[in-house]
Structure formats: C-alpha cells, structure tokens
Amino acid sequence: MQQTIIMTPVPQAETVHLITQPYHFQTPSKLIQSDDHIRQFKNSSTAKNYLGFIVSLSESIRGHKLSDPCHVSNATASIVSILQTLTQSVDQIPPLPQSSRYGNLAYRDWHARMTENADQFMLQFLPHDLSSATVELTPYFTDSFGNSSRIDYGTGHETNFAAWLYCLTRLGVITEQDYQAVVARVFVKYLDLMRKLQLVYSLEPAGSHGVWGLDDYHFLPFIFGASQLIDHRYMKPKSIHNEDILDNFSNEYLYLQCIAFVKKVKKGPFAEHSPMLDDISGVPNWKKVNSGLLKMYKVEVMEKVPIMQHFLFGSIIKWE
C-alpha cells in the first residue's frame, strides 16, 4: 500500500465546474460495482474535479484555527442550523437500554425522521429556481449519516456528505468564498453530529480497515486538520503524543480533535490500536502529512470498490 501511495501524484486544487441551465435533475444512483468501474471513474474529469474540490477545501483552512473569523453566507449558516437541529434531535434521546436491539430501532427511527424532513431542509437554503434539485441533492444528504439497515457508518457515507457539498458548489449555492466556513463551520458541525450518532447508537464501522485505518469512521478531518497545522510554530506531527497539547488545542485544530477522540474511545497503547496514526506522527512536518493523506484519500477511499459502491451519480455528478 505504501508504494502505491508514494507513486501517486499529490492531488491538486481545481475550480469547481458550475452546471448551467437547462437543468435535468434526476434521482442519483449507485453505479460502481467493480474494479473496471473504479478504473473508469478515477480517470474521469468528474473524479478529478471532485478531488480538486477536496484539495481546495483543505487549502482554504491552511494556517487557520477553527474559531478564526470567516465569511459565512446565508446558505452556509442555514446548513449549519440544519445540522444543529439534527444534533439536538440526538441530544433529546433518553438513555437507551444496554441492548443493541433497542439501539438499532432507535437509530432507524432517527434516520427515518431525518429522511422524511430532508427535502424541507434543502428548501431552506436553495434558491427558488433550484427547488427541483431536491430530487438529486436529498439522496446524497440522507446517505451522509450512515446506513439504517446495517446500522453502520464509514468513509463512504462521509464521502457522500462531501459530494453533497460539491453538488451545492456546482449549483453555485456554495462559492469559493465559503470554503473556509464549509470546513470550520459546516464540516465541524457534521463531525460533531456523526460522533454523537456513533456513540449514542453504537454504529458499526463500515468497511473499516481496523487498526490499519486512520480511524474507524472518518478520513477528511485528518486532511483538513493537517492543513490547519502547516507551518505551525511549535506543534509538530509528534505533538499528538503530548496530552497537554491535546487538552488545550483540540477545540481549535481538527487533527488534534480526531486524535483526542480516538484516545477517548479506544483503550490500550496508542501505537497498538492506531499504528497508522502513530506512524504518521513520525513524519517531519504537517505539509508532508497533508499531501500524504490527500494521496491516501485518492487511493484508499476513491479507488476502493467497497467504499465507492455507495457513491451516487446523477446530472450534477455525472458518470462518464
């Protein structure tokens, strides 16, 4: 795996291609089922532009703390509000009996209610002339919060959330001016919600690499978090082993927040339950961590059938 990642060029930022009228919105569908499909997809302009969007988000947060002032558009504020509403709906759940059956039923109920309200959520921020886009946007959104049949969540679901943001950018609802807020406000709120769902409902990791993954559930916050710390004066990759640094700065830096969360939910020596993260802590600087993670995201997420079989294609994200 290491050799594959080293040989992969570092993905570059790209301007997102706006779609133009006339619109032909459609219910998106899952089309990737084989390695041949992956080969087709990874060579497409669709894959390149989506990945370029992820790189652009990463660059927008470079050197910034989460609390730094940033442009927050009405659409961005509305999305944050929606995620806050969903988070509060989890907070209001009474303690569940220590039984997976009750947890499964409660999560299915939560997921069903979220799905029922999803179209209305979209209409809160979509311009009137884009209201018909809900047919295409809603499936990306509802697939972002885990699977209610398998009661699991993984990087495929996280990628659908990023794809939903990419769709909104292609529609012009999100602009490049919003990118810093998309990471520091929207994605942070999404991460907060997903961690609550993972803990309250005991969601299984979907297709986890186990100890050889970054984390059982997420990938993107490590990319964004490493970018935040590029050229930081005193925090280095090895600083993740300093408990004082984690305690004092994890609220401002996504990478440290991810490490603190891993240490909270996993027991035993860090090098044993998270050897890949432990290895990364030996990299000399955050720029190399960030570029390495971007290459790894391309190879280990976007080019893997078990993950990308959940990815959706329609008129906004086209299958070429």
C-alpha atoms as a PDB file:
ATOM      1  CA  MET A   1       0.000   0.000   0.000  1.00  0.00           C
ATOM      2  CA  GLN A   2       2.832   2.408   0.905  1.00  0.00           C
ATOM      3  CA  GLN A   3       4.442   2.029  -2.515  1.00  0.00           C
ATOM      4  CA  THR A   4       1.145   2.759  -4.293  1.00  0.00           C
ATOM      5  CA  ILE A   5       0.634   5.924  -2.280  1.00  0.00           C
ATOM      6  CA  ILE A   6       4.205   7.161  -2.853  1.00  0.00           C
ATOM      7  CA  MET A   7       3.841   6.710  -6.625  1.00  0.00           C
ATOM      8  CA  THR A   8       0.558   8.629  -6.695  1.00  0.00           C
ATOM      9  CA  PRO A   9       0.980  12.330  -7.529  1.00  0.00           C
ATOM     10  CA  VAL A  10      -0.336  14.789  -4.941  1.00  0.00           C
ATOM     11  CA  PRO A  11      -3.881  15.820  -5.974  1.00  0.00           C
ATOM     12  CA  GLN A  12      -4.173  19.488  -6.920  1.00  0.00           C
ATOM     13  CA  ALA A  13      -6.870  22.060  -6.208  1.00  0.00           C
ATOM     14  CA  GLU A  14      -9.361  22.676  -9.003  1.00  0.00           C
ATOM     15  CA  THR A  15     -12.045  25.261  -9.599  1.00  0.00           C
ATOM     16  CA  VAL A  16     -15.417  23.521  -9.398  1.00  0.00           C
ATOM     17  CA  HIS A  17     -17.233  23.436 -12.746  1.00  0.00           C
ATOM     18  CA  LEU A  18     -20.626  25.144 -12.408  1.00  0.00           C
ATOM     19  CA  ILE A  19     -23.541  23.433 -14.121  1.00  0.00           C
ATOM     20  CA  THR A  20     -25.644  25.538 -16.441  1.00  0.00           C
ATOM     21  CA  GLN A  21     -29.293  25.613 -17.447  1.00  0.00           C
ATOM     22  CA  PRO A  22     -31.353  23.890 -18.642  1.00  0.00           C
ATOM     23  CA  TYR A  23     -31.250  21.635 -15.582  1.00  0.00           C
ATOM     24  CA  HIS A  24     -32.258  17.980 -15.849  1.00  0.00           C
ATOM     25  CA  PHE A  25     -32.200  16.895 -12.220  1.00  0.00           C
ATOM     26  CA  GLN A  26     -32.686  13.184 -11.574  1.00  0.00           C
ATOM     27  CA  THR A  27     -32.587  10.742  -8.693  1.00  0.00           C
ATOM     28  CA  PRO A  28     -28.897   9.787  -8.428  1.00  0.00           C
ATOM     29  CA  SER A  29     -27.927   6.129  -8.357  1.00  0.00           C
ATOM     30  CA  LYS A  30     -25.054   3.855  -7.348  1.00  0.00           C
ATOM     31  CA  LEU A  31     -23.112   2.715 -10.406  1.00  0.00           C
ATOM     32  CA  ILE A  32     -19.703   1.500  -9.179  1.00  0.00           C
ATOM     33  CA  GLN A  33     -19.660  -2.280  -8.766  1.00  0.00           C
ATOM     34  CA  SER A  34     -16.266  -3.488  -9.980  1.00  0.00           C
ATOM     35  CA  ASP A  35     -12.584  -2.625 -10.378  1.00  0.00           C
ATOM     36  CA  ASP A  36     -13.320  -1.800 -14.044  1.00  0.00           C
ATOM     37  CA  HIS A  37     -15.804   0.827 -12.879  1.00  0.00           C
ATOM     38  CA  ILE A  38     -13.179   2.228 -10.497  1.00  0.00           C
ATOM     39  CA  ARG A  39     -10.686   2.482 -13.363  1.00  0.00           C
ATOM     40  CA  GLN A  40     -13.269   4.352 -15.441  1.00  0.00           C
ATOM     41  CA  PHE A  41     -14.139   6.653 -12.568  1.00  0.00           C
ATOM     42  CA  LYS A  42     -10.602   7.509 -11.440  1.00  0.00           C
ATOM     43  CA  ASN A  43      -9.657   8.626 -14.972  1.00  0.00           C
ATOM     44  CA  SER A  44     -12.738  10.829 -15.370  1.00  0.00           C
ATOM     45  CA  SER A  45     -12.936  14.610 -15.151  1.00  0.00           C
ATOM     46  CA  THR A  46     -15.716  14.070 -12.571  1.00  0.00           C
ATOM     47  CA  ALA A  47     -13.352  12.305 -10.138  1.00  0.00           C
ATOM     48  CA  LYS A  48     -10.578  14.844 -10.787  1.00  0.00           C
ATOM     49  CA  ASN A  49     -12.866  17.825 -10.167  1.00  0.00           C
ATOM     50  CA  TYR A  50     -14.412  16.331  -7.025  1.00  0.00           C
ATOM     51  CA  LEU A  51     -10.950  15.569  -5.613  1.00  0.00           C
ATOM     52  CA  GLY A  52      -9.801  19.063  -6.622  1.00  0.00           C
ATOM     53  CA  PHE A  53     -12.706  20.416  -4.551  1.00  0.00           C
ATOM     54  CA  ILE A  54     -11.481  18.454  -1.501  1.00  0.00           C
ATOM     55  CA  VAL A  55      -7.980  19.891  -2.017  1.00  0.00           C
ATOM     56  CA  SER A  56      -9.439  23.412  -2.299  1.00  0.00           C
ATOM     57  CA  LEU A  57     -11.314  22.937   0.987  1.00  0.00           C
ATOM     58  CA  SER A  58      -8.065  21.729   2.563  1.00  0.00           C
ATOM     59  CA  GLU A  59      -6.175  24.784   1.292  1.00  0.00           C
ATOM     60  CA  SER A  60      -8.895  27.167   2.497  1.00  0.00           C
ATOM     61  CA  ILE A  61      -8.305  26.186   6.140  1.00  0.00           C
ATOM     62  CA  ARG A  62      -4.492  26.182   5.936  1.00  0.00           C
ATOM     63  CA  GLY A  63      -2.989  28.028   8.883  1.00  0.00           C
ATOM     64  CA  HIS A  64      -6.403  28.869  10.348  1.00  0.00           C
ATOM     65  CA  LYS A  65      -7.862  27.921  13.705  1.00  0.00           C
ATOM     66  CA  LEU A  66     -11.475  26.750  13.729  1.00  0.00           C
ATOM     67  CA  SER A  67     -12.546  29.865  15.632  1.00  0.00           C
ATOM     68  CA  ASP A  68     -10.903  32.293  13.181  1.00  0.00           C
ATOM     69  CA  PRO A  69     -13.374  34.745  11.598  1.00  0.00           C
ATOM     70  CA  CYS A  70     -14.518  33.712   8.129  1.00  0.00           C
ATOM     71  CA  HIS A  71     -17.169  34.587   5.571  1.00  0.00           C
ATOM     72  CA  VAL A  72     -20.446  32.830   6.429  1.00  0.00           C
ATOM     73  CA  SER A  73     -23.077  33.151   3.698  1.00  0.00           C
ATOM     74  CA  ASN A  74     -26.803  32.733   4.313  1.00  0.00           C
ATOM     75  CA  ALA A  75     -26.690  29.287   2.705  1.00  0.00           C
ATOM     76  CA  THR A  76     -23.760  28.195   4.885  1.00  0.00           C
ATOM     77  CA  ALA A  77     -25.466  29.495   8.026  1.00  0.00           C
ATOM     78  CA  SER A  78     -28.646  27.642   7.057  1.00  0.00           C
ATOM     79  CA  ILE A  79     -26.751  24.355   6.585  1.00  0.00           C
ATOM     80  CA  VAL A  80     -25.084  24.789   9.993  1.00  0.00           C
ATOM     81  CA  SER A  81     -28.524  25.379  11.507  1.00  0.00           C
ATOM     82  CA  ILE A  82     -29.899  22.184   9.919  1.00  0.00           C
ATOM     83  CA  LEU A  83     -27.003  20.124  11.297  1.00  0.00           C
ATOM     84  CA  GLN A  84     -27.520  21.742  14.694  1.00  0.00           C
ATOM     85  CA  THR A  85     -31.209  20.744  14.591  1.00  0.00           C
ATOM     86  CA  LEU A  86     -30.238  17.148  13.808  1.00  0.00           C
ATOM     87  CA  THR A  87     -27.660  17.161  16.621  1.00  0.00           C
ATOM     88  CA  GLN A  88     -30.271  18.411  19.083  1.00  0.00           C
ATOM     89  CA  SER A  89     -32.627  15.630  17.998  1.00  0.00           C
ATOM     90  CA  VAL A  90     -29.968  13.120  19.116  1.00  0.00           C
ATOM     91  CA  ASP A  91     -29.360  15.018  22.375  1.00  0.00           C
ATOM     92  CA  GLN A  92     -33.047  14.706  23.255  1.00  0.00           C
ATOM     93  CA  ILE A  93     -32.994  10.908  23.189  1.00  0.00           C
ATOM     94  CA  PRO A  94     -33.411   9.325  26.633  1.00  0.00           C
ATOM     95  CA  PRO A  95     -30.669   6.882  27.686  1.00  0.00           C
ATOM     96  CA  LEU A  96     -31.062   3.622  25.765  1.00  0.00           C
ATOM     97  CA  PRO A  97     -31.101   0.206  27.459  1.00  0.00           C
ATOM     98  CA  GLN A  98     -27.826  -1.690  27.043  1.00  0.00           C
ATOM     99  CA  SER A  99     -29.176  -3.706  24.168  1.00  0.00           C
ATOM    100  CA  SER A 100     -28.193  -3.472  20.521  1.00  0.00           C
ATOM    101  CA  ARG A 101     -31.806  -4.212  19.551  1.00  0.00           C
ATOM    102  CA  TYR A 102     -33.066  -1.023  21.208  1.00  0.00           C
ATOM    103  CA  GLY A 103     -30.181   0.978  19.768  1.00  0.00           C
ATOM    104  CA  ASN A 104     -30.865  -0.351  16.266  1.00  0.00           C
ATOM    105  CA  LEU A 105     -34.570   0.513  16.463  1.00  0.00           C
ATOM    106  CA  ALA A 106     -33.850   3.991  17.845  1.00  0.00           C
ATOM    107  CA  TYR A 107     -31.264   4.729  15.134  1.00  0.00           C
ATOM    108  CA  ARG A 108     -33.642   3.530  12.403  1.00  0.00           C
ATOM    109  CA  ASP A 109     -36.317   5.817  13.832  1.00  0.00           C
ATOM    110  CA  TRP A 110     -33.898   8.777  13.908  1.00  0.00           C
ATOM    111  CA  HIS A 111     -32.736   8.041  10.344  1.00  0.00           C
ATOM    112  CA  ALA A 112     -36.332   7.735   9.088  1.00  0.00           C
ATOM    113  CA  ARG A 113     -37.324  11.081  10.609  1.00  0.00           C
ATOM    114  CA  MET A 114     -34.212  12.765   9.190  1.00  0.00           C
ATOM    115  CA  THR A 115     -35.036  11.331   5.738  1.00  0.00           C
ATOM    116  CA  GLU A 116     -38.669  12.494   5.950  1.00  0.00           C
ATOM    117  CA  ASN A 117     -37.523  16.059   6.644  1.00  0.00           C
ATOM    118  CA  ALA A 118     -34.620  16.117   4.179  1.00  0.00           C
ATOM    119  CA  ASP A 119     -36.442  17.799   1.264  1.00  0.00           C
ATOM    120  CA  GLN A 120     -37.639  20.584   3.579  1.00  0.00           C
ATOM    121  CA  PHE A 121     -34.084  21.010   4.838  1.00  0.00           C
ATOM    122  CA  MET A 122     -32.882  21.526   1.234  1.00  0.00           C
ATOM    123  CA  LEU A 123     -35.606  24.100   0.538  1.00  0.00           C
ATOM    124  CA  GLN A 124     -34.407  26.198   3.480  1.00  0.00           C
ATOM    125  CA  PHE A 125     -31.380  27.377   1.511  1.00  0.00           C
ATOM    126  CA  LEU A 126     -31.998  26.550  -2.169  1.00  0.00           C
ATOM    127  CA  PRO A 127     -32.955  29.491  -4.408  1.00  0.00           C
ATOM    128  CA  HIS A 128     -36.467  29.153  -5.827  1.00  0.00           C
ATOM    129  CA  ASP A 129     -35.196  28.299  -9.335  1.00  0.00           C
ATOM    130  CA  LEU A 130     -33.249  25.348  -7.866  1.00  0.00           C
ATOM    131  CA  SER A 131     -36.068  23.880  -5.738  1.00  0.00           C
ATOM    132  CA  SER A 132     -36.421  20.962  -8.168  1.00  0.00           C
ATOM    133  CA  ALA A 133     -32.817  19.973  -7.344  1.00  0.00           C
ATOM    134  CA  THR A 134     -34.038  18.320  -4.129  1.00  0.00           C
ATOM    135  CA  VAL A 135     -34.686  15.107  -6.094  1.00  0.00           C
ATOM    136  CA  GLU A 136     -30.939  14.888  -6.718  1.00  0.00           C
ATOM    137  CA  LEU A 137     -29.496  16.519  -3.593  1.00  0.00           C
ATOM    138  CA  THR A 138     -31.561  14.740  -0.933  1.00  0.00           C
ATOM    139  CA  PRO A 139     -30.152  11.211  -1.552  1.00  0.00           C
ATOM    140  CA  TYR A 140     -26.581  12.493  -1.051  1.00  0.00           C
ATOM    141  CA  PHE A 141     -27.680  14.179   2.162  1.00  0.00           C
ATOM    142  CA  THR A 142     -29.575  11.207   3.615  1.00  0.00           C
ATOM    143  CA  ASP A 143     -26.727   8.826   2.726  1.00  0.00           C
ATOM    144  CA  SER A 144     -24.318  11.020   4.712  1.00  0.00           C
ATOM    145  CA  PHE A 145     -25.464   9.810   8.130  1.00  0.00           C
ATOM    146  CA  GLY A 146     -24.900   6.072   7.971  1.00  0.00           C
ATOM    147  CA  ASN A 147     -26.941   3.093   6.849  1.00  0.00           C
ATOM    148  CA  SER A 148     -30.150   2.348   8.774  1.00  0.00           C
ATOM    149  CA  SER A 149     -30.259  -1.302   7.649  1.00  0.00           C
ATOM    150  CA  ARG A 150     -26.705  -2.241   8.535  1.00  0.00           C
ATOM    151  CA  ILE A 151     -26.516   0.274  11.420  1.00  0.00           C
ATOM    152  CA  ASP A 152     -23.071   1.356  10.250  1.00  0.00           C
ATOM    153  CA  TYR A 153     -21.119   4.400   9.128  1.00  0.00           C
ATOM    154  CA  GLY A 154     -17.839   4.838   7.293  1.00  0.00           C
ATOM    155  CA  THR A 155     -15.818   6.865   4.808  1.00  0.00           C
ATOM    156  CA  GLY A 156     -18.331   6.093   2.032  1.00  0.00           C
ATOM    157  CA  HIS A 157     -21.008   7.982   3.971  1.00  0.00           C
ATOM    158  CA  GLU A 158     -18.554  10.781   4.780  1.00  0.00           C
ATOM    159  CA  THR A 159     -17.723  10.976   1.061  1.00  0.00           C
ATOM    160  CA  ASN A 160     -21.426  11.345   0.225  1.00  0.00           C
ATOM    161  CA  PHE A 161     -21.556  14.353   2.569  1.00  0.00           C
ATOM    162  CA  ALA A 162     -18.554  15.889   0.787  1.00  0.00           C
ATOM    163  CA  ALA A 163     -20.244  15.042  -2.540  1.00  0.00           C
ATOM    164  CA  TRP A 164     -23.404  16.830  -1.347  1.00  0.00           C
ATOM    165  CA  LEU A 165     -21.289  19.930  -0.613  1.00  0.00           C
ATOM    166  CA  TYR A 166     -19.654  19.544  -4.033  1.00  0.00           C
ATOM    167  CA  CYS A 167     -23.114  19.406  -5.677  1.00  0.00           C
ATOM    168  CA  LEU A 168     -24.113  22.616  -3.888  1.00  0.00           C
ATOM    169  CA  THR A 169     -20.893  24.199  -5.169  1.00  0.00           C
ATOM    170  CA  ARG A 170     -21.605  23.074  -8.732  1.00  0.00           C
ATOM    171  CA  LEU A 171     -25.025  24.713  -8.381  1.00  0.00           C
ATOM    172  CA  GLY A 172     -23.462  27.958  -7.144  1.00  0.00           C
ATOM    173  CA  VAL A 173     -25.165  27.722  -3.724  1.00  0.00           C
ATOM    174  CA  ILE A 174     -21.719  27.405  -2.122  1.00  0.00           C
ATOM    175  CA  THR A 175     -18.914  29.552  -3.578  1.00  0.00           C
ATOM    176  CA  GLU A 176     -15.138  29.602  -3.121  1.00  0.00           C
ATOM    177  CA  GLN A 177     -15.632  32.468  -0.664  1.00  0.00           C
ATOM    178  CA  ASP A 178     -17.491  29.987   1.570  1.00  0.00           C
ATOM    179  CA  TYR A 179     -14.813  27.281   1.616  1.00  0.00           C
ATOM    180  CA  GLN A 180     -13.208  28.176   4.943  1.00  0.00           C
ATOM    181  CA  ALA A 181     -16.658  28.224   6.595  1.00  0.00           C
ATOM    182  CA  VAL A 182     -17.558  24.935   4.887  1.00  0.00           C
ATOM    183  CA  VAL A 183     -14.675  23.319   6.784  1.00  0.00           C
ATOM    184  CA  ALA A 184     -14.622  25.340  10.019  1.00  0.00           C
ATOM    185  CA  ARG A 185     -18.401  25.629  10.497  1.00  0.00           C
ATOM    186  CA  VAL A 186     -20.284  23.080   8.351  1.00  0.00           C
ATOM    187  CA  PHE A 187     -17.896  20.120   8.423  1.00  0.00           C
ATOM    188  CA  VAL A 188     -17.116  20.622  12.114  1.00  0.00           C
ATOM    189  CA  LYS A 189     -20.858  20.544  12.892  1.00  0.00           C
ATOM    190  CA  TYR A 190     -21.270  17.416  10.734  1.00  0.00           C
ATOM    191  CA  LEU A 191     -18.403  15.730  12.572  1.00  0.00           C
ATOM    192  CA  ASP A 192     -19.949  16.608  15.919  1.00  0.00           C
ATOM    193  CA  LEU A 193     -23.274  15.080  14.828  1.00  0.00           C
ATOM    194  CA  MET A 194     -21.650  11.920  13.478  1.00  0.00           C
ATOM    195  CA  ARG A 195     -19.652  11.339  16.657  1.00  0.00           C
ATOM    196  CA  LYS A 196     -22.854  11.642  18.664  1.00  0.00           C
ATOM    197  CA  LEU A 197     -24.601   9.132  16.392  1.00  0.00           C
ATOM    198  CA  GLN A 198     -21.621   6.762  16.587  1.00  0.00           C
ATOM    199  CA  LEU A 199     -21.606   6.845  20.381  1.00  0.00           C
ATOM    200  CA  VAL A 200     -25.353   7.001  21.142  1.00  0.00           C
ATOM    201  CA  TYR A 201     -26.368   4.318  18.644  1.00  0.00           C
ATOM    202  CA  SER A 202     -23.146   2.273  18.637  1.00  0.00           C
ATOM    203  CA  LEU A 203     -22.848   2.474  14.851  1.00  0.00           C
ATOM    204  CA  GLU A 204     -20.562  -0.199  13.431  1.00  0.00           C
ATOM    205  CA  PRO A 205     -17.585   0.958  11.339  1.00  0.00           C
ATOM    206  CA  ALA A 206     -18.490   0.350   7.676  1.00  0.00           C
ATOM    207  CA  GLY A 207     -15.724  -1.492   5.879  1.00  0.00           C
ATOM    208  CA  SER A 208     -13.181  -0.377   8.459  1.00  0.00           C
ATOM    209  CA  HIS A 209      -9.545  -1.243   7.934  1.00  0.00           C
ATOM    210  CA  GLY A 210      -9.402  -1.854  11.672  1.00  0.00           C
ATOM    211  CA  VAL A 211      -6.112  -0.797  13.192  1.00  0.00           C
ATOM    212  CA  TRP A 212      -4.718  -0.116   9.709  1.00  0.00           C
ATOM    213  CA  GLY A 213      -7.166   2.713   9.078  1.00  0.00           C
ATOM    214  CA  LEU A 214      -6.757   6.277  10.302  1.00  0.00           C
ATOM    215  CA  ASP A 215      -9.861   5.992  12.407  1.00  0.00           C
ATOM    216  CA  ASP A 216     -12.773   3.580  12.240  1.00  0.00           C
ATOM    217  CA  TYR A 217     -15.100   6.151  10.688  1.00  0.00           C
ATOM    218  CA  HIS A 218     -13.516   9.316   9.230  1.00  0.00           C
ATOM    219  CA  PHE A 219     -10.819  10.468   6.851  1.00  0.00           C
ATOM    220  CA  LEU A 220     -11.455  14.061   5.731  1.00  0.00           C
ATOM    221  CA  PRO A 221     -10.963  15.784   9.120  1.00  0.00           C
ATOM    222  CA  PHE A 222      -7.402  14.417   9.199  1.00  0.00           C
ATOM    223  CA  ILE A 223      -6.726  16.045   5.800  1.00  0.00           C
ATOM    224  CA  PHE A 224      -8.264  19.370   6.816  1.00  0.00           C
ATOM    225  CA  GLY A 225      -6.660  19.210  10.254  1.00  0.00           C
ATOM    226  CA  ALA A 226      -3.170  18.610   8.883  1.00  0.00           C
ATOM    227  CA  SER A 227      -3.625  21.618   6.585  1.00  0.00           C
ATOM    228  CA  GLN A 228      -4.560  23.817   9.557  1.00  0.00           C
ATOM    229  CA  LEU A 229      -1.242  22.979  11.216  1.00  0.00           C
ATOM    230  CA  ILE A 230       1.090  23.530   8.229  1.00  0.00           C
ATOM    231  CA  ASP A 231       3.962  25.802   9.321  1.00  0.00           C
ATOM    232  CA  HIS A 232       2.691  25.977  12.903  1.00  0.00           C
ATOM    233  CA  ARG A 233       5.479  27.404  15.042  1.00  0.00           C
ATOM    234  CA  TYR A 234       5.617  24.734  17.695  1.00  0.00           C
ATOM    235  CA  MET A 235       3.044  21.978  17.043  1.00  0.00           C
ATOM    236  CA  LYS A 236       4.572  19.157  15.014  1.00  0.00           C
ATOM    237  CA  PRO A 237       3.120  15.777  13.974  1.00  0.00           C
ATOM    238  CA  LYS A 238       4.777  14.215  17.042  1.00  0.00           C
ATOM    239  CA  SER A 239       2.807  16.662  19.238  1.00  0.00           C
ATOM    240  CA  ILE A 240      -0.173  14.285  19.141  1.00  0.00           C
ATOM    241  CA  HIS A 241       1.556  12.359  21.939  1.00  0.00           C
ATOM    242  CA  ASN A 242       1.519  15.402  24.223  1.00  0.00           C
ATOM    243  CA  GLU A 243      -1.622  15.245  26.367  1.00  0.00           C
ATOM    244  CA  ASP A 244      -1.351  18.931  27.355  1.00  0.00           C
ATOM    245  CA  ILE A 245      -1.402  19.959  23.700  1.00  0.00           C
ATOM    246  CA  LEU A 246      -4.429  17.742  23.009  1.00  0.00           C
ATOM    247  CA  ASP A 247      -6.258  19.121  26.058  1.00  0.00           C
ATOM    248  CA  ASN A 248      -5.581  22.748  25.208  1.00  0.00           C
ATOM    249  CA  PHE A 249      -5.780  22.854  21.415  1.00  0.00           C
ATOM    250  CA  SER A 250      -8.086  20.058  20.174  1.00  0.00           C
ATOM    251  CA  ASN A 251     -11.003  22.527  20.138  1.00  0.00           C
ATOM    252  CA  GLU A 252      -9.141  24.631  17.536  1.00  0.00           C
ATOM    253  CA  TYR A 253      -7.440  22.013  15.351  1.00  0.00           C
ATOM    254  CA  LEU A 254      -9.315  19.154  13.687  1.00  0.00           C
ATOM    255  CA  TYR A 255      -6.353  16.781  13.572  1.00  0.00           C
ATOM    256  CA  LEU A 256      -5.785  17.089  17.322  1.00  0.00           C
ATOM    257  CA  GLN A 257      -9.537  16.747  17.893  1.00  0.00           C
ATOM    258  CA  CYS A 258      -9.539  13.491  15.911  1.00  0.00           C
ATOM    259  CA  ILE A 259      -6.613  12.121  17.925  1.00  0.00           C
ATOM    260  CA  ALA A 260      -8.255  13.116  21.223  1.00  0.00           C
ATOM    261  CA  PHE A 261     -11.461  11.344  20.151  1.00  0.00           C
ATOM    262  CA  VAL A 262      -9.593   8.180  19.153  1.00  0.00           C
ATOM    263  CA  LYS A 263      -7.841   8.144  22.529  1.00  0.00           C
ATOM    264  CA  LYS A 264     -11.177   8.634  24.277  1.00  0.00           C
ATOM    265  CA  VAL A 265     -12.941   5.695  22.614  1.00  0.00           C
ATOM    266  CA  LYS A 266     -10.069   3.232  22.244  1.00  0.00           C
ATOM    267  CA  LYS A 267      -8.235   1.545  25.064  1.00  0.00           C
ATOM    268  CA  GLY A 268      -4.633   0.391  25.305  1.00  0.00           C
ATOM    269  CA  PRO A 269      -1.356   1.755  23.890  1.00  0.00           C
ATOM    270  CA  PHE A 270      -1.885   4.230  21.025  1.00  0.00           C
ATOM    271  CA  ALA A 271       0.707   2.518  18.818  1.00  0.00           C
ATOM    272  CA  GLU A 272      -1.247  -0.748  19.087  1.00  0.00           C
ATOM    273  CA  HIS A 273      -4.809   0.453  18.396  1.00  0.00           C
ATOM    274  CA  SER A 274      -3.796   3.172  15.889  1.00  0.00           C
ATOM    275  CA  PRO A 275      -0.466   2.149  14.306  1.00  0.00           C
ATOM    276  CA  MET A 276      -1.013   4.192  11.136  1.00  0.00           C
ATOM    277  CA  LEU A 277      -1.643   7.390  13.091  1.00  0.00           C
ATOM    278  CA  ASP A 278       1.348   6.544  15.240  1.00  0.00           C
ATOM    279  CA  ASP A 279       3.498   6.133  12.112  1.00  0.00           C
ATOM    280  CA  ILE A 280       2.249   9.458  10.708  1.00  0.00           C
ATOM    281  CA  SER A 281       3.347  11.190  13.917  1.00  0.00           C
ATOM    282  CA  GLY A 282       6.917  10.452  12.837  1.00  0.00           C
ATOM    283  CA  VAL A 283       6.587  12.484   9.610  1.00  0.00           C
ATOM    284  CA  PRO A 284       8.762  15.624   9.911  1.00  0.00           C
ATOM    285  CA  ASN A 285       6.172  18.281   9.039  1.00  0.00           C
ATOM    286  CA  TRP A 286       2.453  18.854   8.514  1.00  0.00           C
ATOM    287  CA  LYS A 287       2.799  19.702   4.815  1.00  0.00           C
ATOM    288  CA  LYS A 288       4.046  16.165   4.168  1.00  0.00           C
ATOM    289  CA  VAL A 289       1.262  14.758   6.342  1.00  0.00           C
ATOM    290  CA  ASN A 290      -1.349  16.723   4.391  1.00  0.00           C
ATOM    291  CA  SER A 291      -0.036  15.759   0.939  1.00  0.00           C
ATOM    292  CA  GLY A 292       0.374  12.131   2.018  1.00  0.00           C
ATOM    293  CA  LEU A 293      -3.196  11.995   3.309  1.00  0.00           C
ATOM    294  CA  LEU A 294      -4.557  13.521   0.094  1.00  0.00           C
ATOM    295  CA  LYS A 295      -2.784  10.811  -1.912  1.00  0.00           C
ATOM    296  CA  MET A 296      -4.053   8.200   0.513  1.00  0.00           C
ATOM    297  CA  TYR A 297      -7.638   9.504   0.232  1.00  0.00           C
ATOM    298  CA  LYS A 298      -7.449   9.130  -3.549  1.00  0.00           C
ATOM    299  CA  VAL A 299      -6.065   5.587  -3.384  1.00  0.00           C
ATOM    300  CA  GLU A 300      -7.678   4.162  -0.248  1.00  0.00           C
ATOM    301  CA  VAL A 301     -11.112   5.816  -0.484  1.00  0.00           C
ATOM    302  CA  MET A 302     -11.847   6.987  -4.036  1.00  0.00           C
ATOM    303  CA  GLU A 303     -10.308   3.926  -5.698  1.00  0.00           C
ATOM    304  CA  LYS A 304     -11.821   1.209  -3.491  1.00  0.00           C
ATOM    305  CA  VAL A 305     -14.982  -0.634  -4.595  1.00  0.00           C
ATOM    306  CA  PRO A 306     -16.278  -1.392  -1.045  1.00  0.00           C
ATOM    307  CA  ILE A 307     -16.333   2.352  -0.318  1.00  0.00           C
ATOM    308  CA  MET A 308     -17.245   3.845  -3.696  1.00  0.00           C
ATOM    309  CA  GLN A 309     -20.043   1.353  -4.365  1.00  0.00           C
ATOM    310  CA  HIS A 310     -22.131   3.725  -2.212  1.00  0.00           C
ATOM    311  CA  PHE A 311     -21.237   6.815  -4.271  1.00  0.00           C
ATOM    312  CA  LEU A 312     -24.082   8.408  -6.224  1.00  0.00           C
ATOM    313  CA  PHE A 313     -24.187   9.679  -9.804  1.00  0.00           C
ATOM    314  CA  GLY A 314     -26.786  11.883 -11.459  1.00  0.00           C
ATOM    315  CA  SER A 315     -26.883  15.052 -13.564  1.00  0.00           C
ATOM    316  CA  ILE A 316     -24.697  17.065 -11.160  1.00  0.00           C
ATOM    317  CA  ILE A 317     -22.022  14.397 -10.523  1.00  0.00           C
ATOM    318  CA  LYS A 318     -22.006  12.624 -13.838  1.00  0.00           C
ATOM    319  CA  TRP A 319     -20.896   9.113 -14.649  1.00  0.00           C
ATOM    320  CA  GLU A 320     -18.614   9.407 -17.668  1.00  0.00           C
END
